[in-house]
Amino acid sequence: MEVELTVVEKSDRLDRCLSQLLKDISRSRLQKLIQQGNVQVNRQICTNKKIKVSLGDHLLISFPPLQPSNLEPEPIPLDILYEDDSLIIINKPAGLVVHPAPGHPTKTLVHGLLYYFPELAGIAGVQRPGIVHRLDKDTTGALMVAKTDYAHQHLQSQLKTKTARREYLGIVYGGFHFQSPGNFSTHDHKEHGTINLPIGRHRVNRKKMAVVPVEKGGREAVTHWEMLEKLGNYTLVKFRLETGRTHQIRVHSSYFGHPIVGDPLYSSKRSVGVNLTGQALHAHKLSLEHPVTGKPIEVVAPFREAFTKLLTTLRKRYSNT
């Protein structure tokens, strides 16, 4: 496919000019098209993204065919909380893997998205079309998916600059009191605080992550927490992610002896009287700016059935304690 354009503004860099004319395509993708020789300025191939173009210049952009995907769309039910021309926000159930990975080649969220939204095939890579961020297989709740290349870049930028907020609710073992003041800050009698401990791959169990010093490969990981409700020997906690490391909340919670209830990797298999698919961790709220209009969007994901049942059971069990 080819697109012809005429420069209608004053002199500017080629990549910036294209970004203004083609708002649905990220600048990084446009820069790659320039670098690959797919852009002509006044019928001459140009591979310099910084070259100045001027009013009236003729631009021709050639879009190479999309890399074919071997993913077969599958009719996986989607609980859609929000949708427009730029993005989708779904309430992910437990047990659903977000994108294909070793051991999970089919029946992922991506397969379901391609079934209902085939236009996502060209957004942000073959294996993860439209995926802006991910949730662990057994973590439930709000997850956003971009419908355009521009929206994908914009939403990822919001996560990087921390203008988008992700809040989780989790039920942990114990009273959620930390013991090592060098690793976190707390206020108001330890009712809320911040964990700032780097996370990296576990040295022995490669399926797990762990608190790992930066000098040994750990990456910065910051989790804000707030105790919401004590339920006997359990606590309902609100978490807000400042970074997005793999298993971040699960690792930080278990490190201090308060793993998420039902976590198959980071907690012992203690019975709580409720049949859980996985950990009791739910991505409760997403707050972001719309990538096109700039208007604020706040989406709250209702609890999935197992989380509600666990919370109700614990409240009844410890109502008189």
C-alpha atoms as a PDB file:
ATOM      1  CA  MET A   1       0.000   0.000   0.000  1.00  0.00           C
ATOM      2  CA  GLU A   2       1.179   3.505  -0.821  1.00  0.00           C
ATOM      3  CA  VAL A   3       0.073   6.838   0.624  1.00  0.00           C
ATOM      4  CA  GLU A   4       0.758  10.186  -1.075  1.00  0.00           C
ATOM      5  CA  LEU A   5       0.888  13.368   0.999  1.00  0.00           C
ATOM      6  CA  THR A   6       1.707  17.035   0.523  1.00  0.00           C
ATOM      7  CA  VAL A   7       3.480  19.066   3.196  1.00  0.00           C
ATOM      8  CA  VAL A   8       1.091  21.793   4.319  1.00  0.00           C
ATOM      9  CA  GLU A   9       3.103  23.245   7.217  1.00  0.00           C
ATOM     10  CA  LYS A  10       6.321  25.207   7.473  1.00  0.00           C
ATOM     11  CA  SER A  11       9.702  23.496   7.276  1.00  0.00           C
ATOM     12  CA  ASP A  12      10.132  20.605   9.712  1.00  0.00           C
ATOM     13  CA  ARG A  13      11.941  17.300  10.152  1.00  0.00           C
ATOM     14  CA  LEU A  14      10.638  14.513   7.937  1.00  0.00           C
ATOM     15  CA  ASP A  15       9.690  12.181  10.794  1.00  0.00           C
ATOM     16  CA  ARG A  16       7.883  14.942  12.714  1.00  0.00           C
ATOM     17  CA  CYS A  17       6.039  16.032   9.588  1.00  0.00           C
ATOM     18  CA  LEU A  18       4.879  12.474   8.863  1.00  0.00           C
ATOM     19  CA  SER A  19       3.829  12.035  12.486  1.00  0.00           C
ATOM     20  CA  GLN A  20       1.594  15.098  12.190  1.00  0.00           C
ATOM     21  CA  LEU A  21       0.084  13.947   8.892  1.00  0.00           C
ATOM     22  CA  LEU A  22      -0.393  10.297   9.913  1.00  0.00           C
ATOM     23  CA  LYS A  23      -1.617  10.495  13.490  1.00  0.00           C
ATOM     24  CA  ASP A  24      -2.671   6.846  13.687  1.00  0.00           C
ATOM     25  CA  ILE A  25       0.887   5.616  13.132  1.00  0.00           C
ATOM     26  CA  SER A  26       3.574   5.879  15.802  1.00  0.00           C
ATOM     27  CA  ARG A  27       6.650   7.981  15.100  1.00  0.00           C
ATOM     28  CA  SER A  28       8.893   4.983  15.830  1.00  0.00           C
ATOM     29  CA  ARG A  29       7.191   3.002  13.054  1.00  0.00           C
ATOM     30  CA  LEU A  30       7.461   5.955  10.665  1.00  0.00           C
ATOM     31  CA  GLN A  31      11.163   6.314  11.491  1.00  0.00           C
ATOM     32  CA  LYS A  32      11.647   2.631  10.690  1.00  0.00           C
ATOM     33  CA  LEU A  33       9.873   3.078   7.342  1.00  0.00           C
ATOM     34  CA  ILE A  34      12.216   5.988   6.566  1.00  0.00           C
ATOM     35  CA  GLN A  35      15.286   3.979   7.578  1.00  0.00           C
ATOM     36  CA  GLN A  36      14.173   1.055   5.390  1.00  0.00           C
ATOM     37  CA  GLY A  37      13.846   3.273   2.312  1.00  0.00           C
ATOM     38  CA  ASN A  38      10.058   3.244   2.176  1.00  0.00           C
ATOM     39  CA  VAL A  39       9.645   7.037   2.090  1.00  0.00           C
ATOM     40  CA  GLN A  40      10.213   9.315  -0.909  1.00  0.00           C
ATOM     41  CA  VAL A  41      10.522  13.098  -0.799  1.00  0.00           C
ATOM     42  CA  ASN A  42       9.801  14.698  -4.176  1.00  0.00           C
ATOM     43  CA  ARG A  43      10.201  11.260  -5.820  1.00  0.00           C
ATOM     44  CA  GLN A  44      13.625  10.625  -4.266  1.00  0.00           C
ATOM     45  CA  ILE A  45      14.079   7.893  -1.638  1.00  0.00           C
ATOM     46  CA  CYS A  46      15.056   9.433   1.666  1.00  0.00           C
ATOM     47  CA  THR A  47      16.526   7.455   4.589  1.00  0.00           C
ATOM     48  CA  ASN A  48      17.347  10.453   6.790  1.00  0.00           C
ATOM     49  CA  LYS A  49      14.582  11.072   9.338  1.00  0.00           C
ATOM     50  CA  LYS A  50      16.080  14.478  10.228  1.00  0.00           C
ATOM     51  CA  ILE A  51      15.988  15.980   6.731  1.00  0.00           C
ATOM     52  CA  LYS A  52      13.938  19.173   6.486  1.00  0.00           C
ATOM     53  CA  VAL A  53      10.819  19.148   4.316  1.00  0.00           C
ATOM     54  CA  SER A  54       9.042  22.321   3.280  1.00  0.00           C
ATOM     55  CA  LEU A  55       5.607  23.572   2.317  1.00  0.00           C
ATOM     56  CA  GLY A  56       4.449  21.916  -0.910  1.00  0.00           C
ATOM     57  CA  ASP A  57       6.904  18.997  -0.860  1.00  0.00           C
ATOM     58  CA  HIS A  58       5.473  15.726  -2.157  1.00  0.00           C
ATOM     59  CA  LEU A  59       5.781  12.651   0.101  1.00  0.00           C
ATOM     60  CA  LEU A  60       5.182   9.032  -0.874  1.00  0.00           C
ATOM     61  CA  ILE A  61       5.092   6.362   1.837  1.00  0.00           C
ATOM     62  CA  SER A  62       5.146   2.670   0.923  1.00  0.00           C
ATOM     63  CA  PHE A  63       3.837   0.288   3.566  1.00  0.00           C
ATOM     64  CA  PRO A  64       5.308  -3.201   3.158  1.00  0.00           C
ATOM     65  CA  PRO A  65       2.911  -6.141   3.596  1.00  0.00           C
ATOM     66  CA  LEU A  66       2.341  -7.088   7.216  1.00  0.00           C
ATOM     67  CA  GLN A  67       4.328 -10.044   8.466  1.00  0.00           C
ATOM     68  CA  PRO A  68       1.941 -12.972   8.257  1.00  0.00           C
ATOM     69  CA  SER A  69       0.697 -14.289  11.591  1.00  0.00           C
ATOM     70  CA  ASN A  70       0.401 -17.989  12.306  1.00  0.00           C
ATOM     71  CA  LEU A  71      -2.125 -17.289  15.053  1.00  0.00           C
ATOM     72  CA  GLU A  72      -5.564 -18.714  14.398  1.00  0.00           C
ATOM     73  CA  PRO A  73      -8.363 -16.503  15.805  1.00  0.00           C
ATOM     74  CA  GLU A  74     -10.482 -18.291  18.396  1.00  0.00           C
ATOM     75  CA  PRO A  75     -13.931 -17.309  19.762  1.00  0.00           C
ATOM     76  CA  ILE A  76     -12.825 -16.771  23.357  1.00  0.00           C
ATOM     77  CA  PRO A  77     -15.431 -14.780  25.373  1.00  0.00           C
ATOM     78  CA  LEU A  78     -14.331 -11.242  26.216  1.00  0.00           C
ATOM     79  CA  ASP A  79     -15.786  -9.139  29.041  1.00  0.00           C
ATOM     80  CA  ILE A  80     -15.398  -5.665  27.526  1.00  0.00           C
ATOM     81  CA  LEU A  81     -15.541  -2.771  30.000  1.00  0.00           C
ATOM     82  CA  TYR A  82     -14.730   0.042  27.541  1.00  0.00           C
ATOM     83  CA  GLU A  83     -14.317   0.336  23.775  1.00  0.00           C
ATOM     84  CA  ASP A  84     -13.918   3.072  21.162  1.00  0.00           C
ATOM     85  CA  ASP A  85     -11.950   3.526  17.934  1.00  0.00           C
ATOM     86  CA  SER A  86      -8.609   3.730  19.786  1.00  0.00           C
ATOM     87  CA  LEU A  87      -8.649   1.184  22.570  1.00  0.00           C
ATOM     88  CA  ILE A  88     -10.403  -1.647  24.373  1.00  0.00           C
ATOM     89  CA  ILE A  89     -10.357  -2.372  28.102  1.00  0.00           C
ATOM     90  CA  ILE A  90     -11.380  -5.871  29.168  1.00  0.00           C
ATOM     91  CA  ASN A  91     -11.959  -7.605  32.496  1.00  0.00           C
ATOM     92  CA  LYS A  92      -9.640 -10.599  32.208  1.00  0.00           C
ATOM     93  CA  PRO A  93     -10.687 -13.839  33.928  1.00  0.00           C
ATOM     94  CA  ALA A  94      -8.338 -16.109  35.853  1.00  0.00           C
ATOM     95  CA  GLY A  95      -6.723 -18.869  33.830  1.00  0.00           C
ATOM     96  CA  LEU A  96      -6.440 -16.844  30.614  1.00  0.00           C
ATOM     97  CA  VAL A  97      -2.907 -16.297  29.287  1.00  0.00           C
ATOM     98  CA  VAL A  98      -2.508 -12.893  27.606  1.00  0.00           C
ATOM     99  CA  HIS A  99      -0.327 -13.882  24.634  1.00  0.00           C
ATOM    100  CA  PRO A 100       1.213 -17.053  23.170  1.00  0.00           C
ATOM    101  CA  ALA A 101       4.191 -18.393  25.105  1.00  0.00           C
ATOM    102  CA  PRO A 102       5.917 -21.740  25.608  1.00  0.00           C
ATOM    103  CA  GLY A 103       3.278 -24.125  26.903  1.00  0.00           C
ATOM    104  CA  HIS A 104       0.431 -21.852  25.790  1.00  0.00           C
ATOM    105  CA  PRO A 105       0.405 -21.738  21.974  1.00  0.00           C
ATOM    106  CA  THR A 106      -3.388 -21.392  21.689  1.00  0.00           C
ATOM    107  CA  LYS A 107      -6.476 -20.215  23.579  1.00  0.00           C
ATOM    108  CA  THR A 108      -4.863 -16.961  24.743  1.00  0.00           C
ATOM    109  CA  LEU A 109      -6.401 -13.519  25.009  1.00  0.00           C
ATOM    110  CA  VAL A 110      -4.635 -12.576  21.771  1.00  0.00           C
ATOM    111  CA  HIS A 111      -6.417 -15.382  19.918  1.00  0.00           C
ATOM    112  CA  GLY A 112      -9.746 -14.065  21.196  1.00  0.00           C
ATOM    113  CA  LEU A 113      -8.906 -10.472  20.303  1.00  0.00           C
ATOM    114  CA  LEU A 114      -8.012 -11.454  16.724  1.00  0.00           C
ATOM    115  CA  TYR A 115     -11.339 -13.281  16.388  1.00  0.00           C
ATOM    116  CA  TYR A 116     -13.431 -10.244  17.356  1.00  0.00           C
ATOM    117  CA  PHE A 117     -11.031  -7.526  16.149  1.00  0.00           C
ATOM    118  CA  PRO A 118      -9.062  -8.824  13.125  1.00  0.00           C
ATOM    119  CA  GLU A 119      -7.758  -5.308  12.431  1.00  0.00           C
ATOM    120  CA  LEU A 120      -5.442  -5.673  15.449  1.00  0.00           C
ATOM    121  CA  ALA A 121      -3.208  -8.017  13.450  1.00  0.00           C
ATOM    122  CA  GLY A 122      -0.963  -5.137  12.342  1.00  0.00           C
ATOM    123  CA  ILE A 123      -0.630  -3.402  15.715  1.00  0.00           C
ATOM    124  CA  ALA A 124       2.565  -3.747  17.769  1.00  0.00           C
ATOM    125  CA  GLY A 125       3.918  -7.078  16.593  1.00  0.00           C
ATOM    126  CA  VAL A 126       2.729 -10.431  15.337  1.00  0.00           C
ATOM    127  CA  GLN A 127       2.586 -12.340  18.624  1.00  0.00           C
ATOM    128  CA  ARG A 128       1.189  -9.521  20.805  1.00  0.00           C
ATOM    129  CA  PRO A 129      -1.140  -7.505  18.565  1.00  0.00           C
ATOM    130  CA  GLY A 130      -2.500  -4.481  20.410  1.00  0.00           C
ATOM    131  CA  ILE A 131      -1.213  -5.592  23.814  1.00  0.00           C
ATOM    132  CA  VAL A 132      -0.086  -2.575  25.867  1.00  0.00           C
ATOM    133  CA  HIS A 133       0.659  -4.370  29.142  1.00  0.00           C
ATOM    134  CA  ARG A 134      -0.044  -7.825  30.537  1.00  0.00           C
ATOM    135  CA  LEU A 135      -1.521  -9.579  33.546  1.00  0.00           C
ATOM    136  CA  ASP A 136      -0.334 -12.910  34.902  1.00  0.00           C
ATOM    137  CA  LYS A 137      -2.358 -15.942  33.867  1.00  0.00           C
ATOM    138  CA  ASP A 138      -4.309 -16.131  37.128  1.00  0.00           C
ATOM    139  CA  THR A 139      -4.493 -12.411  37.882  1.00  0.00           C
ATOM    140  CA  THR A 140      -7.885 -10.991  36.972  1.00  0.00           C
ATOM    141  CA  GLY A 141      -9.084  -7.523  36.058  1.00  0.00           C
ATOM    142  CA  ALA A 142      -8.637  -4.502  33.829  1.00  0.00           C
ATOM    143  CA  LEU A 143      -6.289  -4.788  30.865  1.00  0.00           C
ATOM    144  CA  MET A 144      -6.032  -2.290  28.002  1.00  0.00           C
ATOM    145  CA  VAL A 145      -5.501  -3.112  24.331  1.00  0.00           C
ATOM    146  CA  ALA A 146      -4.663  -0.556  21.628  1.00  0.00           C
ATOM    147  CA  LYS A 147      -6.603  -0.532  18.353  1.00  0.00           C
ATOM    148  CA  THR A 148      -4.140   1.665  16.468  1.00  0.00           C
ATOM    149  CA  ASP A 149      -0.379   1.978  16.288  1.00  0.00           C
ATOM    150  CA  TYR A 150      -0.595   5.554  17.564  1.00  0.00           C
ATOM    151  CA  ALA A 151      -2.762   4.550  20.539  1.00  0.00           C
ATOM    152  CA  HIS A 152      -0.341   1.744  21.374  1.00  0.00           C
ATOM    153  CA  GLN A 153       2.631   4.096  21.482  1.00  0.00           C
ATOM    154  CA  HIS A 154       0.686   6.718  23.452  1.00  0.00           C
ATOM    155  CA  LEU A 155      -0.590   4.254  26.059  1.00  0.00           C
ATOM    156  CA  GLN A 156       2.827   2.666  26.544  1.00  0.00           C
ATOM    157  CA  SER A 157       4.285   6.148  26.972  1.00  0.00           C
ATOM    158  CA  GLN A 158       1.729   6.854  29.707  1.00  0.00           C
ATOM    159  CA  LEU A 159       2.832   3.738  31.565  1.00  0.00           C
ATOM    160  CA  LYS A 160       6.481   4.732  31.225  1.00  0.00           C
ATOM    161  CA  THR A 161       5.904   8.313  32.420  1.00  0.00           C
ATOM    162  CA  LYS A 162       3.518   7.094  35.160  1.00  0.00           C
ATOM    163  CA  THR A 163       0.597   9.238  33.983  1.00  0.00           C
ATOM    164  CA  ALA A 164      -1.458   6.065  33.664  1.00  0.00           C
ATOM    165  CA  ARG A 165      -2.310   4.486  37.030  1.00  0.00           C
ATOM    166  CA  ARG A 166      -2.888   0.797  37.710  1.00  0.00           C
ATOM    167  CA  GLU A 167      -4.510  -0.141  40.997  1.00  0.00           C
ATOM    168  CA  TYR A 168      -4.882  -3.722  42.229  1.00  0.00           C
ATOM    169  CA  LEU A 169      -6.721  -5.304  45.129  1.00  0.00           C
ATOM    170  CA  GLY A 170      -5.243  -8.371  46.737  1.00  0.00           C
ATOM    171  CA  ILE A 171      -5.935 -10.570  49.740  1.00  0.00           C
ATOM    172  CA  VAL A 172      -2.750 -11.519  51.581  1.00  0.00           C
ATOM    173  CA  TYR A 173      -1.884 -13.795  54.465  1.00  0.00           C
ATOM    174  CA  GLY A 174      -1.229 -12.030  57.756  1.00  0.00           C
ATOM    175  CA  GLY A 175      -1.536  -8.431  58.900  1.00  0.00           C
ATOM    176  CA  PHE A 176       0.768  -7.013  56.228  1.00  0.00           C
ATOM    177  CA  HIS A 177       3.270  -5.459  58.653  1.00  0.00           C
ATOM    178  CA  PHE A 178       6.803  -5.171  57.325  1.00  0.00           C
ATOM    179  CA  GLN A 179       9.875  -5.516  59.497  1.00  0.00           C
ATOM    180  CA  SER A 180      12.810  -4.023  57.592  1.00  0.00           C
ATOM    181  CA  PRO A 181      12.713  -0.192  57.580  1.00  0.00           C
ATOM    182  CA  GLY A 182      15.531   0.046  55.073  1.00  0.00           C
ATOM    183  CA  ASN A 183      13.404  -1.363  52.272  1.00  0.00           C
ATOM    184  CA  PHE A 184      10.154   0.582  52.482  1.00  0.00           C
ATOM    185  CA  SER A 185       8.475   3.686  53.878  1.00  0.00           C
ATOM    186  CA  THR A 186       5.279   3.754  55.896  1.00  0.00           C
ATOM    187  CA  HIS A 187       3.005   6.338  57.464  1.00  0.00           C
ATOM    188  CA  ASP A 188       0.014   6.419  59.793  1.00  0.00           C
ATOM    189  CA  HIS A 189       0.976   3.378  61.884  1.00  0.00           C
ATOM    190  CA  LYS A 190       2.014   1.311  58.865  1.00  0.00           C
ATOM    191  CA  GLU A 191      -1.386   1.526  57.143  1.00  0.00           C
ATOM    192  CA  HIS A 192       0.180   2.488  53.838  1.00  0.00           C
ATOM    193  CA  GLY A 193       3.632   2.779  52.349  1.00  0.00           C
ATOM    194  CA  THR A 194       5.996   1.991  49.499  1.00  0.00           C
ATOM    195  CA  ILE A 195       8.161  -1.020  48.698  1.00  0.00           C
ATOM    196  CA  ASN A 196      11.212  -0.187  46.595  1.00  0.00           C
ATOM    197  CA  LEU A 197      13.105  -3.421  45.978  1.00  0.00           C
ATOM    198  CA  PRO A 198      14.611  -4.540  42.641  1.00  0.00           C
ATOM    199  CA  ILE A 199      13.280  -7.696  41.004  1.00  0.00           C
ATOM    200  CA  GLY A 200      15.014 -10.211  38.764  1.00  0.00           C
ATOM    201  CA  ARG A 201      14.866 -13.848  37.736  1.00  0.00           C
ATOM    202  CA  HIS A 202      15.107 -16.373  40.592  1.00  0.00           C
ATOM    203  CA  ARG A 203      18.566 -17.984  40.658  1.00  0.00           C
ATOM    204  CA  VAL A 204      17.248 -21.558  41.053  1.00  0.00           C
ATOM    205  CA  ASN A 205      13.609 -21.705  39.911  1.00  0.00           C
ATOM    206  CA  ARG A 206      13.487 -20.054  36.485  1.00  0.00           C
ATOM    207  CA  LYS A 207       9.682 -19.877  36.606  1.00  0.00           C
ATOM    208  CA  LYS A 208       9.895 -17.498  39.557  1.00  0.00           C
ATOM    209  CA  MET A 209      11.042 -13.939  40.084  1.00  0.00           C
ATOM    210  CA  ALA A 210      12.735 -12.729  43.263  1.00  0.00           C
ATOM    211  CA  VAL A 211      14.139  -9.662  44.998  1.00  0.00           C
ATOM    212  CA  VAL A 212      17.576  -9.383  43.364  1.00  0.00           C
ATOM    213  CA  PRO A 213      20.163  -6.608  43.866  1.00  0.00           C
ATOM    214  CA  VAL A 214      20.645  -4.315  40.885  1.00  0.00           C
ATOM    215  CA  GLU A 215      24.310  -5.298  40.654  1.00  0.00           C
ATOM    216  CA  LYS A 216      23.189  -8.909  40.141  1.00  0.00           C
ATOM    217  CA  GLY A 217      20.653  -8.170  37.434  1.00  0.00           C
ATOM    218  CA  GLY A 218      17.648  -6.894  39.379  1.00  0.00           C
ATOM    219  CA  ARG A 219      15.586  -4.054  37.923  1.00  0.00           C
ATOM    220  CA  GLU A 220      13.940  -1.238  39.858  1.00  0.00           C
ATOM    221  CA  ALA A 221      10.497  -2.204  41.161  1.00  0.00           C
ATOM    222  CA  VAL A 222       8.273   0.171  43.142  1.00  0.00           C
ATOM    223  CA  THR A 223       4.943  -0.877  44.659  1.00  0.00           C
ATOM    224  CA  HIS A 224       2.719   1.435  46.713  1.00  0.00           C
ATOM    225  CA  TRP A 225       0.375  -0.331  49.162  1.00  0.00           C
ATOM    226  CA  GLU A 226      -2.482   0.497  51.500  1.00  0.00           C
ATOM    227  CA  MET A 227      -4.240  -1.771  53.988  1.00  0.00           C
ATOM    228  CA  LEU A 228      -7.994  -1.574  53.400  1.00  0.00           C
ATOM    229  CA  GLU A 229      -9.500  -4.229  55.660  1.00  0.00           C
ATOM    230  CA  LYS A 230      -8.238  -6.715  58.250  1.00  0.00           C
ATOM    231  CA  LEU A 231      -9.946 -10.100  58.027  1.00  0.00           C
ATOM    232  CA  GLY A 232      -8.619 -12.199  60.903  1.00  0.00           C
ATOM    233  CA  ASN A 233      -5.259 -13.511  59.742  1.00  0.00           C
ATOM    234  CA  TYR A 234      -5.807 -12.057  56.261  1.00  0.00           C
ATOM    235  CA  THR A 235      -5.738  -8.507  54.898  1.00  0.00           C
ATOM    236  CA  LEU A 236      -7.361  -6.825  51.908  1.00  0.00           C
ATOM    237  CA  VAL A 237      -4.683  -4.583  50.411  1.00  0.00           C
ATOM    238  CA  LYS A 238      -4.708  -1.993  47.631  1.00  0.00           C
ATOM    239  CA  PHE A 239      -1.576  -1.919  45.483  1.00  0.00           C
ATOM    240  CA  ARG A 240      -0.521   0.710  42.965  1.00  0.00           C
ATOM    241  CA  LEU A 241       2.262  -0.081  40.528  1.00  0.00           C
ATOM    242  CA  GLU A 242       4.855   2.546  39.715  1.00  0.00           C
ATOM    243  CA  THR A 243       6.863   0.050  37.664  1.00  0.00           C
ATOM    244  CA  GLY A 244       5.683  -3.069  35.862  1.00  0.00           C
ATOM    245  CA  ARG A 245       8.042  -5.954  36.572  1.00  0.00           C
ATOM    246  CA  THR A 246       6.958  -9.558  36.091  1.00  0.00           C
ATOM    247  CA  HIS A 247       5.113 -10.849  39.208  1.00  0.00           C
ATOM    248  CA  GLN A 248       5.945  -7.558  40.947  1.00  0.00           C
ATOM    249  CA  ILE A 249       3.138  -7.452  43.542  1.00  0.00           C
ATOM    250  CA  ARG A 250       3.388 -11.186  44.180  1.00  0.00           C
ATOM    251  CA  VAL A 251       7.162 -11.022  44.759  1.00  0.00           C
ATOM    252  CA  HIS A 252       7.078  -7.916  46.960  1.00  0.00           C
ATOM    253  CA  SER A 253       4.263  -9.305  49.103  1.00  0.00           C
ATOM    254  CA  SER A 254       5.820 -12.734  49.583  1.00  0.00           C
ATOM    255  CA  TYR A 255       9.253 -11.248  50.335  1.00  0.00           C
ATOM    256  CA  PHE A 256       7.873  -9.834  53.588  1.00  0.00           C
ATOM    257  CA  GLY A 257       6.004 -12.990  54.521  1.00  0.00           C
ATOM    258  CA  HIS A 258       2.576 -11.902  53.287  1.00  0.00           C
ATOM    259  CA  PRO A 259       2.045 -13.751  49.977  1.00  0.00           C
ATOM    260  CA  ILE A 260      -1.132 -13.359  47.980  1.00  0.00           C
ATOM    261  CA  VAL A 261      -3.716 -15.966  48.994  1.00  0.00           C
ATOM    262  CA  GLY A 262      -3.782 -18.858  46.518  1.00  0.00           C
ATOM    263  CA  ASP A 263      -0.543 -17.885  44.758  1.00  0.00           C
ATOM    264  CA  PRO A 264       0.777 -21.168  43.275  1.00  0.00           C
ATOM    265  CA  LEU A 265       4.382 -19.904  43.063  1.00  0.00           C
ATOM    266  CA  TYR A 266       4.952 -17.700  46.069  1.00  0.00           C
ATOM    267  CA  SER A 267       2.727 -19.091  48.849  1.00  0.00           C
ATOM    268  CA  SER A 268       2.242 -22.434  50.571  1.00  0.00           C
ATOM    269  CA  LYS A 269      -0.964 -24.302  49.735  1.00  0.00           C
ATOM    270  CA  ARG A 270      -2.958 -23.263  52.798  1.00  0.00           C
ATOM    271  CA  SER A 271      -6.703 -23.896  52.495  1.00  0.00           C
ATOM    272  CA  VAL A 272      -8.980 -20.865  52.857  1.00  0.00           C
ATOM    273  CA  GLY A 273     -12.249 -22.703  52.264  1.00  0.00           C
ATOM    274  CA  VAL A 274     -12.729 -21.300  48.760  1.00  0.00           C
ATOM    275  CA  ASN A 275     -11.749 -22.983  45.503  1.00  0.00           C
ATOM    276  CA  LEU A 276      -9.460 -20.448  43.777  1.00  0.00           C
ATOM    277  CA  THR A 277      -8.169 -20.786  40.219  1.00  0.00           C
ATOM    278  CA  GLY A 278      -5.026 -18.871  41.171  1.00  0.00           C
ATOM    279  CA  GLN A 279      -3.940 -15.973  43.343  1.00  0.00           C
ATOM    280  CA  ALA A 280      -6.455 -13.547  44.878  1.00  0.00           C
ATOM    281  CA  LEU A 281      -5.127 -10.557  42.966  1.00  0.00           C
ATOM    282  CA  HIS A 282      -7.371  -8.327  40.853  1.00  0.00           C
ATOM    283  CA  ALA A 283      -6.478  -5.367  38.612  1.00  0.00           C
ATOM    284  CA  HIS A 284      -9.238  -3.199  39.996  1.00  0.00           C
ATOM    285  CA  LYS A 285      -8.835   0.182  38.311  1.00  0.00           C
ATOM    286  CA  LEU A 286      -7.194   1.761  35.254  1.00  0.00           C
ATOM    287  CA  SER A 287      -6.833   5.533  35.015  1.00  0.00           C
ATOM    288  CA  LEU A 288      -5.411   7.044  31.820  1.00  0.00           C
ATOM    289  CA  GLU A 289      -5.650   9.805  29.244  1.00  0.00           C
ATOM    290  CA  HIS A 290      -7.417   9.015  26.006  1.00  0.00           C
ATOM    291  CA  PRO A 291      -4.654   8.784  23.360  1.00  0.00           C
ATOM    292  CA  VAL A 292      -6.559  10.990  20.890  1.00  0.00           C
ATOM    293  CA  THR A 293      -8.814  13.323  22.874  1.00  0.00           C
ATOM    294  CA  GLY A 294      -6.665  13.611  25.982  1.00  0.00           C
ATOM    295  CA  LYS A 295      -9.740  13.250  28.166  1.00  0.00           C
ATOM    296  CA  PRO A 296      -9.353  11.244  31.389  1.00  0.00           C
ATOM    297  CA  ILE A 297     -10.671   7.680  31.412  1.00  0.00           C
ATOM    298  CA  GLU A 298     -11.196   5.702  34.597  1.00  0.00           C
ATOM    299  CA  VAL A 299     -12.396   2.119  34.354  1.00  0.00           C
ATOM    300  CA  VAL A 300     -13.201  -0.073  37.358  1.00  0.00           C
ATOM    301  CA  ALA A 301     -13.266  -3.827  36.781  1.00  0.00           C
ATOM    302  CA  PRO A 302     -15.857  -5.704  38.876  1.00  0.00           C
ATOM    303  CA  PHE A 303     -14.487  -8.586  40.940  1.00  0.00           C
ATOM    304  CA  ARG A 304     -14.547 -11.992  39.343  1.00  0.00           C
ATOM    305  CA  GLU A 305     -16.715 -14.591  41.097  1.00  0.00           C
ATOM    306  CA  ALA A 306     -13.945 -16.399  43.010  1.00  0.00           C
ATOM    307  CA  PHE A 307     -12.531 -13.160  44.462  1.00  0.00           C
ATOM    308  CA  THR A 308     -15.986 -12.051  45.615  1.00  0.00           C
ATOM    309  CA  LYS A 309     -16.650 -15.453  47.168  1.00  0.00           C
ATOM    310  CA  LEU A 310     -13.330 -15.414  49.057  1.00  0.00           C
ATOM    311  CA  LEU A 311     -13.875 -11.882  50.348  1.00  0.00           C
ATOM    312  CA  THR A 312     -17.435 -12.712  51.459  1.00  0.00           C
ATOM    313  CA  THR A 313     -16.296 -15.931  53.166  1.00  0.00           C
ATOM    314  CA  LEU A 314     -13.534 -14.177  55.122  1.00  0.00           C
ATOM    315  CA  ARG A 315     -15.829 -11.332  56.169  1.00  0.00           C
ATOM    316  CA  LYS A 316     -18.410 -13.790  57.493  1.00  0.00           C
ATOM    317  CA  ARG A 317     -15.765 -15.928  59.197  1.00  0.00           C
ATOM    318  CA  TYR A 318     -14.158 -13.007  61.039  1.00  0.00           C
ATOM    319  CA  SER A 319     -17.120 -10.667  61.470  1.00  0.00           C
ATOM    320  CA  ASN A 320     -17.008 -11.001  65.270  1.00  0.00           C
ATOM    321  CA  THR A 321     -13.253 -10.844  65.740  1.00  0.00           C
END
